[in-house]
Amino acid sequence: MKRRDFLRYSASCLLGIMLCDGEQLLEAAPSRQPMIYKRFFRFTEYEKRKATEYLVIHHTGFPDIDKDSTAADIHKFHQETNKWAGIGYHYLIRKDGTIEQGRQPGMVGAHSYGHNQTSIGVCLAGNFNIGKPTEEQMASVKELCWWLCQKYELDPSKNGVIVGHRDLNDTDCPGKNLYKRLGEIRRFCCSGND
């Protein structure tokens, strides 16, 4: 294959990938999009989300340990142990603040029973009943939530727009040490800075 043909083919493939998520990628993305590492996981089923009305904050919450996890770790756990289609969260934030994409943002998640059709799941790696989110995680979750509120035209000052998993289901998630900091995330999203 000639170099010119290779470049044309590569550009066509890239354009095709960008168009796969259709309307969302064609919209003008708000400025300040955080760095999100895309992961291309295989799912056993996938359904488009009809609307985005709120963001649900989670922690990985493995019992008795406050550990870092990757989106790949969670994807494997959710498929093999929970028998789900794959990782239930749309985004995972690692201890160092790295944001990894889990499910594609426009697809229905599996993170908050009865609320997946209209929400985005944002998970921070760790057990925040025994540990605390790192400052890098807090900076990333604030930027990510701000960007998501801009992208989906959500008003973070409204009650129920940025919620903890425990606000919707009978769970301790996202852990007491993260839950008490949700107000910081909401304030950041309202003002765009800390």
N, C-alpha and C. Protein backbone atom coordinates (compact mmCIF):
# COMPACT_ATOMS: atom_id res chain seq x y z
N MET A 1 0.85 -1.18 0.00
CA MET A 1 0.00 0.00 0.00
C MET A 1 0.90 1.24 0.00
N LYS A 2 0.59 2.18 -0.86
CA LYS A 2 1.35 3.42 -0.93
C LYS A 2 1.04 4.30 0.28
N ARG A 3 1.98 5.15 0.59
CA ARG A 3 1.84 6.04 1.76
C ARG A 3 0.58 6.90 1.64
N ARG A 4 0.34 7.47 0.47
CA ARG A 4 -0.83 8.33 0.27
C ARG A 4 -2.12 7.55 0.51
N ASP A 5 -2.20 6.32 -0.01
CA ASP A 5 -3.39 5.48 0.20
C ASP A 5 -3.57 5.16 1.68
N PHE A 6 -2.44 4.88 2.34
CA PHE A 6 -2.50 4.58 3.78
C PHE A 6 -3.06 5.78 4.55
N LEU A 7 -2.58 6.98 4.23
CA LEU A 7 -3.05 8.18 4.93
C LEU A 7 -4.53 8.43 4.66
N ARG A 8 -4.97 8.26 3.42
CA ARG A 8 -6.40 8.41 3.11
C ARG A 8 -7.24 7.40 3.87
N TYR A 9 -6.78 6.16 3.87
CA TYR A 9 -7.50 5.09 4.59
C TYR A 9 -7.57 5.40 6.09
N SER A 10 -6.45 5.85 6.66
CA SER A 10 -6.41 6.18 8.09
C SER A 10 -7.36 7.32 8.42
N ALA A 11 -7.38 8.35 7.56
CA ALA A 11 -8.28 9.49 7.79
C ALA A 11 -9.74 9.05 7.70
N SER A 12 -10.04 8.18 6.75
CA SER A 12 -11.41 7.67 6.61
C SER A 12 -11.83 6.88 7.84
N CYS A 13 -10.92 6.04 8.33
CA CYS A 13 -11.22 5.25 9.54
C CYS A 13 -11.47 6.17 10.73
N LEU A 14 -10.62 7.18 10.89
CA LEU A 14 -10.78 8.10 12.01
C LEU A 14 -12.11 8.83 11.91
N LEU A 15 -12.47 9.28 10.73
CA LEU A 15 -13.76 9.95 10.55
C LEU A 15 -14.90 9.00 10.87
N GLY A 16 -14.80 7.76 10.45
CA GLY A 16 -15.83 6.76 10.75
C GLY A 16 -15.99 6.53 12.24
N ILE A 17 -14.87 6.46 12.96
CA ILE A 17 -14.92 6.29 14.42
C ILE A 17 -15.60 7.49 15.05
N MET A 18 -15.26 8.70 14.59
CA MET A 18 -15.84 9.90 15.16
C MET A 18 -17.34 9.95 14.91
N LEU A 19 -17.80 9.41 13.80
CA LEU A 19 -19.21 9.47 13.47
C LEU A 19 -20.02 8.36 14.13
N CYS A 20 -19.34 7.36 14.69
CA CYS A 20 -20.04 6.23 15.32
C CYS A 20 -20.96 6.68 16.45
N ASP A 21 -20.53 7.66 17.22
CA ASP A 21 -21.36 8.11 18.33
C ASP A 21 -22.25 9.27 17.88
N GLY A 22 -22.31 9.46 16.58
CA GLY A 22 -23.25 10.37 15.95
C GLY A 22 -23.35 11.74 16.53
N GLU A 23 -24.57 12.04 16.98
CA GLU A 23 -24.93 13.39 17.38
C GLU A 23 -24.04 13.97 18.45
N GLN A 24 -23.57 13.18 19.38
CA GLN A 24 -22.78 13.74 20.47
C GLN A 24 -21.44 14.25 19.99
N LEU A 25 -20.76 13.52 19.11
CA LEU A 25 -19.46 13.97 18.65
C LEU A 25 -19.58 15.09 17.63
N LEU A 26 -20.70 15.19 16.97
CA LEU A 26 -20.86 16.24 15.99
C LEU A 26 -21.24 17.58 16.62
N GLU A 27 -21.76 17.53 17.85
CA GLU A 27 -22.07 18.77 18.56
C GLU A 27 -20.77 19.46 18.93
N ALA A 28 -20.81 20.75 19.07
CA ALA A 28 -19.63 21.46 19.53
C ALA A 28 -19.41 21.11 20.99
N ALA A 29 -18.27 20.52 21.28
CA ALA A 29 -17.96 20.13 22.66
C ALA A 29 -17.58 21.37 23.45
N PRO A 30 -18.05 21.46 24.70
CA PRO A 30 -17.67 22.60 25.52
C PRO A 30 -16.17 22.65 25.71
N SER A 31 -15.65 23.86 25.92
CA SER A 31 -14.23 23.99 26.18
C SER A 31 -13.89 23.35 27.52
N ARG A 32 -12.63 23.17 27.77
CA ARG A 32 -12.13 22.60 29.03
C ARG A 32 -12.48 21.13 29.20
N GLN A 33 -12.64 20.41 28.12
CA GLN A 33 -12.89 18.97 28.27
C GLN A 33 -11.67 18.36 28.94
N PRO A 34 -11.89 17.61 30.01
CA PRO A 34 -10.74 16.99 30.66
C PRO A 34 -10.16 15.88 29.79
N MET A 35 -8.93 15.50 30.09
CA MET A 35 -8.29 14.39 29.37
C MET A 35 -8.97 13.10 29.81
N ILE A 36 -9.57 12.41 28.87
CA ILE A 36 -10.27 11.16 29.16
C ILE A 36 -9.62 10.06 28.32
N TYR A 37 -9.13 9.04 28.99
CA TYR A 37 -8.51 7.93 28.29
C TYR A 37 -9.60 6.96 27.87
N LYS A 38 -9.75 6.80 26.57
CA LYS A 38 -10.81 5.94 26.03
C LYS A 38 -10.36 4.49 26.13
N ARG A 39 -11.27 3.66 26.55
CA ARG A 39 -11.04 2.22 26.60
C ARG A 39 -12.11 1.59 25.71
N PHE A 40 -11.72 0.67 24.89
CA PHE A 40 -12.66 0.08 23.94
C PHE A 40 -12.97 -1.35 24.38
N PHE A 41 -13.89 -1.45 25.32
CA PHE A 41 -14.27 -2.74 25.88
C PHE A 41 -15.37 -3.38 25.04
N ARG A 42 -15.43 -4.69 25.10
CA ARG A 42 -16.52 -5.43 24.47
C ARG A 42 -17.63 -5.62 25.49
N PHE A 43 -18.84 -5.35 25.05
CA PHE A 43 -20.01 -5.51 25.90
C PHE A 43 -20.92 -6.58 25.30
N THR A 44 -21.60 -7.31 26.15
CA THR A 44 -22.50 -8.35 25.65
C THR A 44 -23.82 -7.75 25.17
N GLU A 45 -24.16 -6.56 25.63
CA GLU A 45 -25.36 -5.85 25.15
C GLU A 45 -25.11 -4.37 25.35
N TYR A 46 -25.79 -3.58 24.56
CA TYR A 46 -25.57 -2.14 24.59
C TYR A 46 -26.85 -1.45 24.14
N GLU A 47 -27.28 -0.44 24.86
CA GLU A 47 -28.51 0.27 24.52
C GLU A 47 -28.26 1.76 24.69
N LYS A 48 -28.74 2.55 23.73
CA LYS A 48 -28.57 4.01 23.83
C LYS A 48 -29.41 4.59 24.96
N ARG A 49 -28.82 5.54 25.68
CA ARG A 49 -29.54 6.23 26.75
C ARG A 49 -30.44 7.30 26.11
N LYS A 50 -31.67 7.40 26.57
CA LYS A 50 -32.65 8.30 25.97
C LYS A 50 -32.44 9.76 26.38
N ALA A 51 -31.93 9.96 27.58
CA ALA A 51 -31.75 11.33 28.10
C ALA A 51 -30.65 11.33 29.15
N THR A 52 -30.16 12.51 29.46
CA THR A 52 -29.20 12.67 30.54
C THR A 52 -29.75 13.75 31.47
N GLU A 53 -30.18 13.32 32.65
CA GLU A 53 -30.79 14.25 33.60
C GLU A 53 -29.95 14.48 34.84
N TYR A 54 -29.04 13.55 35.15
CA TYR A 54 -28.21 13.74 36.34
C TYR A 54 -26.97 12.87 36.30
N LEU A 55 -26.03 13.20 37.18
CA LEU A 55 -24.78 12.48 37.33
C LEU A 55 -24.81 11.76 38.67
N VAL A 56 -24.42 10.49 38.67
CA VAL A 56 -24.41 9.68 39.89
C VAL A 56 -22.96 9.37 40.25
N ILE A 57 -22.56 9.77 41.45
CA ILE A 57 -21.18 9.58 41.92
C ILE A 57 -21.09 8.29 42.74
N HIS A 58 -20.06 7.49 42.44
CA HIS A 58 -19.84 6.20 43.08
C HIS A 58 -18.41 6.08 43.59
N HIS A 59 -18.17 5.04 44.41
CA HIS A 59 -16.81 4.57 44.68
C HIS A 59 -16.79 3.08 44.35
N THR A 60 -15.60 2.53 44.09
CA THR A 60 -15.54 1.10 43.79
C THR A 60 -15.90 0.29 45.01
N GLY A 61 -15.50 0.74 46.20
CA GLY A 61 -15.98 0.20 47.46
C GLY A 61 -15.67 -1.26 47.74
N PHE A 62 -14.52 -1.77 47.28
CA PHE A 62 -14.19 -3.15 47.62
C PHE A 62 -14.07 -3.27 49.14
N PRO A 63 -14.65 -4.30 49.74
CA PRO A 63 -14.68 -4.44 51.20
C PRO A 63 -13.28 -4.47 51.82
N ASP A 64 -13.14 -3.73 52.91
CA ASP A 64 -11.94 -3.76 53.76
C ASP A 64 -10.65 -3.31 53.08
N ILE A 65 -10.74 -2.69 51.92
CA ILE A 65 -9.51 -2.21 51.27
C ILE A 65 -9.81 -0.96 50.43
N ASP A 66 -8.95 0.03 50.57
CA ASP A 66 -9.07 1.26 49.78
C ASP A 66 -8.02 1.17 48.68
N LYS A 67 -8.38 0.53 47.57
CA LYS A 67 -7.39 0.28 46.52
C LYS A 67 -7.73 0.99 45.23
N ASP A 68 -6.69 1.17 44.44
CA ASP A 68 -6.86 1.73 43.11
C ASP A 68 -7.33 0.61 42.19
N SER A 69 -8.12 0.94 41.21
CA SER A 69 -8.59 -0.02 40.21
C SER A 69 -8.56 0.65 38.86
N THR A 70 -8.43 -0.14 37.82
CA THR A 70 -8.51 0.38 36.46
C THR A 70 -9.90 0.09 35.90
N ALA A 71 -10.24 0.78 34.84
CA ALA A 71 -11.51 0.49 34.17
C ALA A 71 -11.52 -0.95 33.66
N ALA A 72 -10.36 -1.44 33.21
CA ALA A 72 -10.27 -2.83 32.74
C ALA A 72 -10.54 -3.82 33.87
N ASP A 73 -10.02 -3.52 35.09
CA ASP A 73 -10.29 -4.38 36.25
C ASP A 73 -11.79 -4.44 36.53
N ILE A 74 -12.43 -3.29 36.53
CA ILE A 74 -13.85 -3.22 36.85
C ILE A 74 -14.68 -3.88 35.74
N HIS A 75 -14.28 -3.68 34.49
CA HIS A 75 -14.98 -4.30 33.37
C HIS A 75 -14.96 -5.83 33.53
N LYS A 76 -13.80 -6.36 33.80
CA LYS A 76 -13.67 -7.81 33.97
C LYS A 76 -14.50 -8.30 35.16
N PHE A 77 -14.44 -7.58 36.29
CA PHE A 77 -15.20 -7.94 37.49
C PHE A 77 -16.71 -7.92 37.20
N HIS A 78 -17.17 -6.86 36.55
CA HIS A 78 -18.61 -6.74 36.27
C HIS A 78 -19.09 -7.83 35.30
N GLN A 79 -18.25 -8.20 34.33
CA GLN A 79 -18.65 -9.26 33.41
C GLN A 79 -18.58 -10.64 34.05
N GLU A 80 -17.46 -10.93 34.70
CA GLU A 80 -17.25 -12.30 35.19
C GLU A 80 -17.96 -12.59 36.52
N THR A 81 -17.99 -11.61 37.42
CA THR A 81 -18.59 -11.85 38.73
C THR A 81 -20.06 -11.46 38.76
N ASN A 82 -20.38 -10.26 38.28
CA ASN A 82 -21.76 -9.78 38.32
C ASN A 82 -22.60 -10.29 37.14
N LYS A 83 -21.92 -10.80 36.11
CA LYS A 83 -22.60 -11.28 34.89
C LYS A 83 -23.34 -10.16 34.16
N TRP A 84 -22.77 -8.96 34.22
CA TRP A 84 -23.33 -7.82 33.51
C TRP A 84 -22.73 -7.77 32.10
N ALA A 85 -23.22 -6.84 31.30
CA ALA A 85 -22.72 -6.67 29.93
C ALA A 85 -21.26 -6.19 29.94
N GLY A 86 -20.84 -5.55 31.02
CA GLY A 86 -19.49 -5.00 31.14
C GLY A 86 -19.49 -3.95 32.22
N ILE A 87 -18.44 -3.14 32.25
CA ILE A 87 -18.32 -2.10 33.28
C ILE A 87 -19.61 -1.27 33.31
N GLY A 88 -20.12 -1.05 34.49
CA GLY A 88 -21.39 -0.34 34.63
C GLY A 88 -21.28 1.17 34.60
N TYR A 89 -20.07 1.69 34.90
CA TYR A 89 -19.85 3.14 34.99
C TYR A 89 -19.42 3.70 33.64
N HIS A 90 -19.76 4.94 33.39
CA HIS A 90 -19.31 5.61 32.18
C HIS A 90 -17.87 6.11 32.33
N TYR A 91 -17.51 6.51 33.55
CA TYR A 91 -16.16 7.02 33.81
C TYR A 91 -15.64 6.47 35.13
N LEU A 92 -14.34 6.18 35.16
CA LEU A 92 -13.66 5.77 36.38
C LEU A 92 -12.50 6.71 36.60
N ILE A 93 -12.36 7.22 37.82
CA ILE A 93 -11.26 8.12 38.14
C ILE A 93 -10.30 7.40 39.08
N ARG A 94 -9.08 7.21 38.61
CA ARG A 94 -8.04 6.50 39.35
C ARG A 94 -7.50 7.37 40.48
N LYS A 95 -6.73 6.76 41.38
CA LYS A 95 -6.15 7.48 42.52
C LYS A 95 -5.26 8.64 42.10
N ASP A 96 -4.59 8.50 40.94
CA ASP A 96 -3.72 9.58 40.47
C ASP A 96 -4.48 10.66 39.69
N GLY A 97 -5.81 10.54 39.62
CA GLY A 97 -6.64 11.52 38.92
C GLY A 97 -6.91 11.20 37.47
N THR A 98 -6.32 10.13 36.95
CA THR A 98 -6.56 9.72 35.56
C THR A 98 -8.04 9.36 35.38
N ILE A 99 -8.64 9.91 34.33
CA ILE A 99 -10.04 9.60 34.00
C ILE A 99 -10.03 8.59 32.87
N GLU A 100 -10.67 7.44 33.12
CA GLU A 100 -10.80 6.41 32.09
C GLU A 100 -12.27 6.26 31.72
N GLN A 101 -12.52 6.14 30.42
CA GLN A 101 -13.90 5.89 29.98
C GLN A 101 -14.20 4.41 30.15
N GLY A 102 -15.39 4.12 30.67
CA GLY A 102 -15.87 2.75 30.77
C GLY A 102 -16.86 2.52 29.65
N ARG A 103 -18.15 2.64 29.97
CA ARG A 103 -19.18 2.58 28.93
C ARG A 103 -19.10 3.84 28.09
N GLN A 104 -19.55 3.74 26.87
CA GLN A 104 -19.61 4.95 26.05
C GLN A 104 -20.63 5.89 26.66
N PRO A 105 -20.36 7.18 26.66
CA PRO A 105 -21.22 8.15 27.35
C PRO A 105 -22.68 8.14 26.91
N GLY A 106 -22.97 7.81 25.66
CA GLY A 106 -24.35 7.84 25.18
C GLY A 106 -25.14 6.56 25.44
N MET A 107 -24.50 5.59 26.08
CA MET A 107 -25.15 4.30 26.31
C MET A 107 -25.67 4.18 27.74
N VAL A 108 -26.67 3.32 27.91
CA VAL A 108 -27.24 3.07 29.24
C VAL A 108 -26.18 2.38 30.09
N GLY A 109 -26.00 2.87 31.31
CA GLY A 109 -25.05 2.26 32.23
C GLY A 109 -25.70 1.17 33.06
N ALA A 110 -24.92 0.64 34.00
CA ALA A 110 -25.42 -0.35 34.96
C ALA A 110 -24.79 0.01 36.30
N HIS A 111 -25.22 1.15 36.84
CA HIS A 111 -24.57 1.66 38.04
C HIS A 111 -25.54 2.09 39.13
N SER A 112 -26.80 2.30 38.80
CA SER A 112 -27.78 2.73 39.80
C SER A 112 -29.15 2.19 39.42
N TYR A 113 -29.54 1.11 40.07
CA TYR A 113 -30.77 0.39 39.72
C TYR A 113 -31.97 1.34 39.63
N GLY A 114 -32.67 1.26 38.51
CA GLY A 114 -33.86 2.07 38.28
C GLY A 114 -33.58 3.47 37.76
N HIS A 115 -32.29 3.83 37.61
CA HIS A 115 -31.93 5.20 37.21
C HIS A 115 -30.94 5.24 36.05
N ASN A 116 -30.64 4.09 35.47
CA ASN A 116 -29.61 4.03 34.44
C ASN A 116 -30.01 4.65 33.11
N GLN A 117 -31.29 4.70 32.81
CA GLN A 117 -31.76 5.23 31.53
C GLN A 117 -31.51 6.73 31.37
N THR A 118 -31.39 7.45 32.49
CA THR A 118 -31.30 8.91 32.41
C THR A 118 -30.12 9.49 33.17
N SER A 119 -29.11 8.67 33.44
CA SER A 119 -27.98 9.19 34.22
C SER A 119 -26.64 8.71 33.67
N ILE A 120 -25.60 9.41 34.10
CA ILE A 120 -24.22 9.03 33.80
C ILE A 120 -23.57 8.63 35.12
N GLY A 121 -22.89 7.49 35.12
CA GLY A 121 -22.21 7.00 36.31
C GLY A 121 -20.74 7.40 36.31
N VAL A 122 -20.32 8.10 37.38
CA VAL A 122 -18.94 8.51 37.57
C VAL A 122 -18.44 7.83 38.83
N CYS A 123 -17.41 7.01 38.70
CA CYS A 123 -16.90 6.24 39.83
C CYS A 123 -15.47 6.64 40.15
N LEU A 124 -15.18 6.78 41.44
CA LEU A 124 -13.82 7.02 41.90
C LEU A 124 -13.30 5.73 42.50
N ALA A 125 -12.07 5.36 42.14
CA ALA A 125 -11.47 4.12 42.64
C ALA A 125 -11.13 4.28 44.12
N GLY A 126 -11.63 3.37 44.93
CA GLY A 126 -11.32 3.37 46.36
C GLY A 126 -12.55 3.03 47.18
N ASN A 127 -12.31 2.78 48.45
CA ASN A 127 -13.39 2.55 49.41
C ASN A 127 -13.39 3.75 50.35
N PHE A 128 -14.35 4.64 50.17
CA PHE A 128 -14.34 5.89 50.91
C PHE A 128 -15.15 5.85 52.19
N ASN A 129 -15.45 4.64 52.66
CA ASN A 129 -15.89 4.47 54.04
C ASN A 129 -14.67 4.29 54.94
N ILE A 130 -13.55 3.81 54.36
CA ILE A 130 -12.32 3.63 55.16
C ILE A 130 -11.20 4.55 54.72
N GLY A 131 -11.17 4.96 53.47
CA GLY A 131 -10.15 5.87 52.97
C GLY A 131 -10.78 7.17 52.52
N LYS A 132 -9.95 8.04 51.97
CA LYS A 132 -10.42 9.33 51.47
C LYS A 132 -10.01 9.47 50.02
N PRO A 133 -10.85 10.14 49.22
CA PRO A 133 -10.43 10.39 47.83
C PRO A 133 -9.18 11.27 47.82
N THR A 134 -8.30 11.01 46.86
CA THR A 134 -7.09 11.83 46.75
C THR A 134 -7.47 13.20 46.21
N GLU A 135 -6.60 14.16 46.42
CA GLU A 135 -6.87 15.50 45.88
C GLU A 135 -6.86 15.47 44.35
N GLU A 136 -6.06 14.56 43.77
CA GLU A 136 -6.05 14.40 42.31
C GLU A 136 -7.41 13.89 41.83
N GLN A 137 -7.99 12.95 42.56
CA GLN A 137 -9.32 12.45 42.20
C GLN A 137 -10.36 13.56 42.32
N MET A 138 -10.27 14.35 43.39
CA MET A 138 -11.24 15.43 43.58
C MET A 138 -11.13 16.47 42.46
N ALA A 139 -9.91 16.80 42.08
CA ALA A 139 -9.73 17.77 40.98
C ALA A 139 -10.33 17.21 39.69
N SER A 140 -10.09 15.93 39.42
CA SER A 140 -10.61 15.33 38.19
C SER A 140 -12.12 15.20 38.19
N VAL A 141 -12.70 14.78 39.33
CA VAL A 141 -14.16 14.62 39.36
C VAL A 141 -14.85 15.97 39.21
N LYS A 142 -14.26 17.02 39.76
CA LYS A 142 -14.84 18.36 39.60
C LYS A 142 -14.82 18.78 38.13
N GLU A 143 -13.67 18.62 37.49
CA GLU A 143 -13.54 19.01 36.07
C GLU A 143 -14.46 18.16 35.19
N LEU A 144 -14.50 16.86 35.46
CA LEU A 144 -15.35 15.97 34.66
C LEU A 144 -16.82 16.33 34.83
N CYS A 145 -17.27 16.53 36.06
CA CYS A 145 -18.68 16.87 36.30
C CYS A 145 -19.02 18.23 35.71
N TRP A 146 -18.10 19.19 35.81
CA TRP A 146 -18.34 20.51 35.20
C TRP A 146 -18.55 20.34 33.70
N TRP A 147 -17.66 19.59 33.07
CA TRP A 147 -17.73 19.40 31.62
C TRP A 147 -19.01 18.66 31.24
N LEU A 148 -19.38 17.63 31.99
CA LEU A 148 -20.60 16.88 31.69
C LEU A 148 -21.84 17.77 31.85
N CYS A 149 -21.85 18.62 32.87
CA CYS A 149 -22.98 19.54 33.05
C CYS A 149 -23.09 20.49 31.86
N GLN A 150 -21.94 20.97 31.36
CA GLN A 150 -21.96 21.85 30.18
C GLN A 150 -22.45 21.09 28.95
N LYS A 151 -21.90 19.90 28.76
CA LYS A 151 -22.21 19.10 27.57
C LYS A 151 -23.69 18.74 27.49
N TYR A 152 -24.27 18.35 28.63
CA TYR A 152 -25.66 17.90 28.64
C TYR A 152 -26.63 18.97 29.15
N GLU A 153 -26.15 20.20 29.30
CA GLU A 153 -26.97 21.34 29.72
C GLU A 153 -27.70 21.05 31.02
N LEU A 154 -26.95 20.57 32.01
CA LEU A 154 -27.49 20.29 33.34
C LEU A 154 -27.17 21.46 34.26
N ASP A 155 -28.09 21.80 35.14
CA ASP A 155 -27.88 22.87 36.10
C ASP A 155 -27.45 22.25 37.44
N PRO A 156 -26.14 22.31 37.76
CA PRO A 156 -25.64 21.67 38.98
C PRO A 156 -26.16 22.28 40.27
N SER A 157 -26.76 23.47 40.17
CA SER A 157 -27.31 24.09 41.39
C SER A 157 -28.66 23.49 41.77
N LYS A 158 -29.27 22.78 40.83
CA LYS A 158 -30.57 22.16 41.11
C LYS A 158 -30.38 20.90 41.94
N ASN A 159 -31.31 20.69 42.85
CA ASN A 159 -31.31 19.47 43.66
C ASN A 159 -31.45 18.25 42.76
N GLY A 160 -30.64 17.23 43.01
CA GLY A 160 -30.77 15.99 42.27
C GLY A 160 -30.05 15.92 40.95
N VAL A 161 -29.20 16.89 40.63
CA VAL A 161 -28.45 16.85 39.38
C VAL A 161 -27.12 16.12 39.57
N ILE A 162 -26.42 16.40 40.65
CA ILE A 162 -25.20 15.66 41.00
C ILE A 162 -25.51 14.98 42.33
N VAL A 163 -25.61 13.65 42.28
CA VAL A 163 -26.05 12.90 43.46
C VAL A 163 -25.08 11.77 43.77
N GLY A 164 -25.13 11.32 45.01
CA GLY A 164 -24.41 10.11 45.38
C GLY A 164 -25.30 8.91 45.11
N HIS A 165 -24.71 7.78 44.88
CA HIS A 165 -25.47 6.56 44.63
C HIS A 165 -26.47 6.30 45.75
N ARG A 166 -26.08 6.61 47.00
CA ARG A 166 -26.96 6.38 48.16
C ARG A 166 -28.23 7.24 48.11
N ASP A 167 -28.21 8.33 47.34
CA ASP A 167 -29.40 9.16 47.21
C ASP A 167 -30.49 8.47 46.39
N LEU A 168 -30.10 7.44 45.63
CA LEU A 168 -31.03 6.77 44.73
C LEU A 168 -31.34 5.33 45.11
N ASN A 169 -30.38 4.66 45.76
CA ASN A 169 -30.54 3.25 46.10
C ASN A 169 -30.09 3.01 47.53
N ASP A 170 -30.45 1.86 48.08
CA ASP A 170 -30.10 1.49 49.45
C ASP A 170 -28.66 0.98 49.48
N THR A 171 -27.71 1.88 49.66
CA THR A 171 -26.28 1.56 49.63
C THR A 171 -25.51 2.62 50.41
N ASP A 172 -24.28 2.30 50.81
CA ASP A 172 -23.39 3.28 51.43
C ASP A 172 -22.62 4.08 50.39
N CYS A 173 -22.64 3.63 49.15
CA CYS A 173 -21.90 4.25 48.06
C CYS A 173 -22.33 5.71 47.88
N PRO A 174 -21.42 6.64 47.75
CA PRO A 174 -20.00 6.54 47.45
C PRO A 174 -19.08 6.57 48.68
N GLY A 175 -19.56 6.12 49.82
CA GLY A 175 -18.75 6.15 51.03
C GLY A 175 -18.85 7.49 51.71
N LYS A 176 -18.79 7.47 53.04
CA LYS A 176 -19.00 8.71 53.82
C LYS A 176 -17.98 9.80 53.50
N ASN A 177 -16.73 9.42 53.21
CA ASN A 177 -15.68 10.43 53.00
C ASN A 177 -15.74 11.10 51.63
N LEU A 178 -16.40 10.48 50.68
CA LEU A 178 -16.65 11.14 49.40
C LEU A 178 -18.01 11.82 49.42
N TYR A 179 -18.99 11.18 50.02
CA TYR A 179 -20.34 11.74 50.04
C TYR A 179 -20.35 13.14 50.66
N LYS A 180 -19.58 13.33 51.74
CA LYS A 180 -19.57 14.64 52.39
C LYS A 180 -18.88 15.71 51.55
N ARG A 181 -18.23 15.32 50.47
CA ARG A 181 -17.56 16.29 49.59
C ARG A 181 -18.34 16.57 48.30
N LEU A 182 -19.54 16.00 48.18
CA LEU A 182 -20.33 16.26 46.97
C LEU A 182 -20.68 17.74 46.82
N GLY A 183 -20.85 18.43 47.94
CA GLY A 183 -21.12 19.87 47.89
C GLY A 183 -20.00 20.64 47.19
N GLU A 184 -18.76 20.23 47.41
CA GLU A 184 -17.61 20.85 46.74
C GLU A 184 -17.73 20.70 45.23
N ILE A 185 -18.11 19.49 44.82
CA ILE A 185 -18.23 19.21 43.38
C ILE A 185 -19.33 20.08 42.78
N ARG A 186 -20.47 20.16 43.47
CA ARG A 186 -21.58 20.99 42.97
C ARG A 186 -21.18 22.46 42.89
N ARG A 187 -20.51 22.96 43.93
CA ARG A 187 -20.10 24.37 43.93
C ARG A 187 -19.12 24.66 42.80
N PHE A 188 -18.19 23.74 42.58
CA PHE A 188 -17.23 23.91 41.47
C PHE A 188 -17.97 23.97 40.14
N CYS A 189 -18.93 23.08 39.96
CA CYS A 189 -19.68 23.04 38.71
C CYS A 189 -20.51 24.30 38.50
N CYS A 190 -20.98 24.89 39.59
CA CYS A 190 -21.77 26.12 39.48
C CYS A 190 -20.88 27.31 39.12
N SER A 191 -19.67 27.34 39.67
CA SER A 191 -18.82 28.50 39.46
C SER A 191 -17.77 28.27 38.38
N GLY A 192 -17.46 26.99 38.10
CA GLY A 192 -16.43 26.68 37.12
C GLY A 192 -15.02 26.74 37.69
N ASN A 193 -14.92 27.06 38.98
CA ASN A 193 -13.61 27.04 39.65
C ASN A 193 -13.82 26.76 41.12
N ASP A 194 -12.75 26.57 41.84
CA ASP A 194 -12.83 26.18 43.26
C ASP A 194 -12.77 27.36 44.20
